[in-house]
């Protein structure tokens, strides 16, 4: 689990995105929640990368880790993208 310092360092980022979204002249909730989902997925990727690369003997190299994350992103986004195109 992340420490309290890591979690507290995310608060200004989330607050900044929320403030920037709400003070925008053309505010809409879809854009706001998309920005929040982007924050969540980006930080989840960072946590996953850190967890995978902890053990030096068994860790993945950068290219393999990037490939795995790219494939996971494709799997997660394929359904929403195909529904949007229909």
N, C-alpha and C. Protein backbone atom coordinates (compact mmCIF):
# COMPACT_ATOMS: atom_id res chain seq x y z
N UNK A 1 0.84 -1.19 0.00
CA UNK A 1 0.00 0.00 0.00
C UNK A 1 0.89 1.25 0.00
N UNK A 2 0.44 2.30 -0.70
CA UNK A 2 1.25 3.52 -0.71
C UNK A 2 1.24 4.21 0.65
N UNK A 3 2.32 4.91 0.93
CA UNK A 3 2.42 5.62 2.20
C UNK A 3 1.53 6.86 2.18
N UNK A 4 1.35 7.44 3.35
CA UNK A 4 0.51 8.64 3.47
C UNK A 4 1.13 9.80 2.68
N UNK A 5 2.46 9.82 2.57
CA UNK A 5 3.14 10.89 1.83
C UNK A 5 2.85 10.78 0.33
N UNK A 6 2.81 9.57 -0.17
CA UNK A 6 2.51 9.39 -1.60
C UNK A 6 1.07 9.80 -1.89
N UNK A 7 0.16 9.37 -1.05
CA UNK A 7 -1.25 9.71 -1.25
C UNK A 7 -1.45 11.22 -1.12
N UNK A 8 -0.81 11.83 -0.14
CA UNK A 8 -0.98 13.27 0.04
C UNK A 8 -0.35 14.07 -1.10
N UNK A 9 0.65 13.52 -1.76
CA UNK A 9 1.24 14.24 -2.89
C UNK A 9 0.32 14.25 -4.11
N UNK A 10 -0.64 13.34 -4.15
CA UNK A 10 -1.60 13.31 -5.26
C UNK A 10 -2.73 14.33 -5.09
N UNK A 11 -2.95 14.77 -3.87
CA UNK A 11 -4.05 15.71 -3.62
C UNK A 11 -3.91 17.02 -4.40
N UNK A 12 -2.72 17.64 -4.48
CA UNK A 12 -2.63 18.87 -5.28
C UNK A 12 -2.89 18.63 -6.77
N UNK A 13 -2.51 17.46 -7.27
CA UNK A 13 -2.74 17.16 -8.68
C UNK A 13 -4.23 17.04 -8.95
N UNK A 14 -4.92 16.26 -8.12
CA UNK A 14 -6.35 16.08 -8.30
C UNK A 14 -7.08 17.40 -8.09
N UNK A 15 -6.68 18.16 -7.08
CA UNK A 15 -7.29 19.46 -6.82
C UNK A 15 -7.08 20.44 -7.97
N UNK A 16 -5.88 20.41 -8.55
CA UNK A 16 -5.59 21.30 -9.68
C UNK A 16 -6.43 20.97 -10.90
N UNK A 17 -6.57 19.68 -11.18
CA UNK A 17 -7.41 19.29 -12.32
C UNK A 17 -8.86 19.67 -12.06
N UNK A 18 -9.33 19.44 -10.83
CA UNK A 18 -10.71 19.79 -10.51
C UNK A 18 -10.93 21.30 -10.63
N UNK A 19 -10.01 22.08 -10.11
CA UNK A 19 -10.14 23.54 -10.18
C UNK A 19 -10.09 24.03 -11.62
N UNK A 20 -9.16 23.51 -12.40
CA UNK A 20 -9.06 23.92 -13.80
C UNK A 20 -10.30 23.53 -14.59
N UNK A 21 -10.86 22.37 -14.28
CA UNK A 21 -12.05 21.92 -14.99
C UNK A 21 -13.27 22.75 -14.63
N UNK A 22 -13.44 23.06 -13.36
CA UNK A 22 -14.64 23.76 -12.91
C UNK A 22 -14.63 25.24 -13.26
N UNK A 23 -13.44 25.83 -13.43
CA UNK A 23 -13.39 27.25 -13.77
C UNK A 23 -13.35 27.48 -15.27
N UNK A 24 -13.37 26.42 -16.05
CA UNK A 24 -13.39 26.54 -17.51
C UNK A 24 -14.74 27.10 -17.96
N UNK A 25 -14.70 27.95 -18.98
CA UNK A 25 -15.93 28.60 -19.46
C UNK A 25 -16.91 27.58 -20.03
N UNK A 26 -16.39 26.55 -20.67
CA UNK A 26 -17.27 25.54 -21.27
C UNK A 26 -17.19 24.24 -20.48
N UNK A 27 -17.46 24.31 -19.19
CA UNK A 27 -17.36 23.14 -18.31
C UNK A 27 -18.43 22.12 -18.65
N UNK A 28 -18.01 20.84 -18.69
CA UNK A 28 -18.98 19.76 -18.78
C UNK A 28 -18.47 18.59 -17.95
N UNK A 29 -19.40 17.81 -17.45
CA UNK A 29 -19.04 16.73 -16.53
C UNK A 29 -18.29 15.60 -17.21
N UNK A 30 -18.54 15.37 -18.49
CA UNK A 30 -17.82 14.31 -19.20
C UNK A 30 -16.32 14.61 -19.26
N UNK A 31 -15.99 15.86 -19.54
CA UNK A 31 -14.58 16.25 -19.56
C UNK A 31 -13.94 16.16 -18.19
N UNK A 32 -14.69 16.56 -17.17
CA UNK A 32 -14.18 16.49 -15.79
C UNK A 32 -13.88 15.06 -15.39
N UNK A 33 -14.83 14.15 -15.63
CA UNK A 33 -14.61 12.76 -15.24
C UNK A 33 -13.56 12.09 -16.11
N UNK A 34 -13.42 12.52 -17.34
CA UNK A 34 -12.35 11.99 -18.19
C UNK A 34 -10.98 12.40 -17.64
N UNK A 35 -10.87 13.63 -17.19
CA UNK A 35 -9.61 14.08 -16.59
C UNK A 35 -9.30 13.31 -15.31
N UNK A 36 -10.33 13.08 -14.50
CA UNK A 36 -10.12 12.31 -13.26
C UNK A 36 -9.73 10.87 -13.58
N UNK A 37 -10.35 10.28 -14.60
CA UNK A 37 -9.99 8.91 -15.00
C UNK A 37 -8.57 8.86 -15.54
N UNK A 38 -8.16 9.90 -16.23
CA UNK A 38 -6.79 9.97 -16.73
C UNK A 38 -5.80 10.01 -15.57
N UNK A 39 -6.09 10.81 -14.56
CA UNK A 39 -5.24 10.85 -13.36
C UNK A 39 -5.15 9.48 -12.71
N UNK A 40 -6.29 8.83 -12.55
CA UNK A 40 -6.32 7.53 -11.89
C UNK A 40 -5.54 6.49 -12.68
N UNK A 41 -5.74 6.46 -13.98
CA UNK A 41 -5.04 5.46 -14.79
C UNK A 41 -3.54 5.73 -14.85
N UNK A 42 -3.15 6.99 -14.92
CA UNK A 42 -1.73 7.32 -14.96
C UNK A 42 -1.04 6.92 -13.65
N UNK A 43 -1.67 7.20 -12.54
CA UNK A 43 -1.06 6.84 -11.26
C UNK A 43 -1.09 5.33 -11.05
N UNK A 44 -2.13 4.67 -11.52
CA UNK A 44 -2.17 3.21 -11.43
C UNK A 44 -1.04 2.58 -12.24
N UNK A 45 -0.77 3.15 -13.40
CA UNK A 45 0.34 2.67 -14.23
C UNK A 45 1.67 2.83 -13.49
N UNK A 46 1.84 3.97 -12.83
CA UNK A 46 3.08 4.19 -12.09
C UNK A 46 3.23 3.20 -10.94
N UNK A 47 2.15 2.95 -10.22
CA UNK A 47 2.20 2.00 -9.11
C UNK A 47 2.48 0.59 -9.63
N UNK A 48 1.82 0.20 -10.71
CA UNK A 48 2.06 -1.12 -11.30
C UNK A 48 3.51 -1.27 -11.74
N UNK A 49 4.05 -0.26 -12.39
CA UNK A 49 5.44 -0.31 -12.83
C UNK A 49 6.40 -0.46 -11.66
N UNK A 50 6.13 0.28 -10.60
CA UNK A 50 7.00 0.21 -9.43
C UNK A 50 6.92 -1.16 -8.77
N UNK A 51 5.71 -1.73 -8.68
CA UNK A 51 5.55 -3.05 -8.08
C UNK A 51 6.27 -4.12 -8.88
N UNK A 52 6.21 -4.02 -10.21
CA UNK A 52 6.81 -5.03 -11.06
C UNK A 52 8.33 -4.93 -11.05
N UNK A 53 8.87 -3.73 -10.91
CA UNK A 53 10.31 -3.54 -11.02
C UNK A 53 11.03 -3.53 -9.67
N UNK A 54 10.39 -3.97 -8.60
CA UNK A 54 11.01 -3.94 -7.27
C UNK A 54 12.14 -4.96 -7.17
N UNK A 55 11.88 -6.18 -7.57
CA UNK A 55 12.85 -7.26 -7.42
C UNK A 55 13.77 -7.27 -8.64
N UNK A 56 15.07 -6.97 -8.44
CA UNK A 56 15.99 -6.83 -9.56
C UNK A 56 16.18 -8.13 -10.34
N UNK A 57 16.19 -9.27 -9.66
CA UNK A 57 16.44 -10.54 -10.35
C UNK A 57 15.28 -10.91 -11.28
N UNK A 58 14.07 -10.63 -10.85
CA UNK A 58 12.89 -11.05 -11.59
C UNK A 58 12.18 -9.90 -12.31
N UNK A 59 12.76 -8.71 -12.31
CA UNK A 59 12.06 -7.56 -12.87
C UNK A 59 12.10 -7.59 -14.40
N UNK A 60 11.12 -6.93 -14.98
CA UNK A 60 11.02 -6.82 -16.43
C UNK A 60 11.89 -5.65 -16.91
N UNK A 61 12.38 -5.75 -18.14
CA UNK A 61 13.08 -4.59 -18.67
C UNK A 61 12.05 -3.56 -19.15
N UNK A 62 12.52 -2.38 -19.48
CA UNK A 62 11.61 -1.28 -19.81
C UNK A 62 10.74 -1.57 -21.03
N UNK A 63 11.32 -2.17 -22.05
CA UNK A 63 10.57 -2.43 -23.28
C UNK A 63 9.46 -3.45 -23.03
N UNK A 64 9.75 -4.50 -22.28
CA UNK A 64 8.74 -5.52 -21.98
C UNK A 64 7.62 -4.93 -21.14
N UNK A 65 7.98 -4.14 -20.14
CA UNK A 65 6.97 -3.51 -19.29
C UNK A 65 6.10 -2.55 -20.11
N UNK A 66 6.70 -1.78 -21.00
CA UNK A 66 5.94 -0.88 -21.86
C UNK A 66 4.99 -1.67 -22.76
N UNK A 67 5.46 -2.79 -23.27
CA UNK A 67 4.61 -3.62 -24.14
C UNK A 67 3.41 -4.17 -23.39
N UNK A 68 3.64 -4.63 -22.18
CA UNK A 68 2.54 -5.18 -21.37
C UNK A 68 1.52 -4.10 -21.04
N UNK A 69 1.99 -2.92 -20.66
CA UNK A 69 1.08 -1.82 -20.33
C UNK A 69 0.29 -1.39 -21.56
N UNK A 70 0.94 -1.38 -22.73
CA UNK A 70 0.24 -1.02 -23.96
C UNK A 70 -0.84 -2.04 -24.29
N UNK A 71 -0.56 -3.32 -24.13
CA UNK A 71 -1.57 -4.35 -24.39
C UNK A 71 -2.73 -4.25 -23.40
N UNK A 72 -2.42 -3.98 -22.12
CA UNK A 72 -3.48 -3.82 -21.13
C UNK A 72 -4.36 -2.61 -21.47
N UNK A 73 -3.75 -1.54 -21.94
CA UNK A 73 -4.51 -0.35 -22.32
C UNK A 73 -5.43 -0.65 -23.49
N UNK A 74 -4.93 -1.41 -24.46
CA UNK A 74 -5.76 -1.77 -25.59
C UNK A 74 -6.97 -2.58 -25.14
N UNK A 75 -6.75 -3.55 -24.27
CA UNK A 75 -7.85 -4.39 -23.80
C UNK A 75 -8.88 -3.55 -23.04
N UNK A 76 -8.41 -2.63 -22.19
CA UNK A 76 -9.33 -1.80 -21.41
C UNK A 76 -10.11 -0.82 -22.28
N UNK A 77 -9.49 -0.30 -23.34
CA UNK A 77 -10.13 0.73 -24.13
C UNK A 77 -10.84 0.23 -25.38
N UNK A 78 -10.68 -1.04 -25.71
CA UNK A 78 -11.29 -1.55 -26.94
C UNK A 78 -12.81 -1.46 -26.89
N UNK A 79 -13.42 -1.90 -25.81
CA UNK A 79 -14.88 -1.88 -25.72
C UNK A 79 -15.45 -0.47 -25.74
N UNK A 80 -14.94 0.46 -24.91
CA UNK A 80 -15.51 1.81 -25.00
C UNK A 80 -15.29 2.47 -26.36
N UNK A 81 -14.15 2.21 -26.98
CA UNK A 81 -13.88 2.80 -28.29
C UNK A 81 -14.81 2.21 -29.36
N UNK A 82 -15.06 0.91 -29.28
CA UNK A 82 -15.94 0.31 -30.27
C UNK A 82 -17.40 0.74 -30.06
N UNK A 83 -17.79 0.97 -28.81
CA UNK A 83 -19.14 1.46 -28.56
C UNK A 83 -19.29 2.91 -29.05
N UNK A 84 -18.24 3.69 -28.93
CA UNK A 84 -18.29 5.07 -29.38
C UNK A 84 -18.37 5.14 -30.90
N UNK A 85 -17.70 4.22 -31.58
CA UNK A 85 -17.70 4.23 -33.04
C UNK A 85 -19.04 3.77 -33.62
N UNK A 86 -19.78 3.00 -32.85
CA UNK A 86 -21.04 2.46 -33.38
C UNK A 86 -22.17 3.47 -33.37
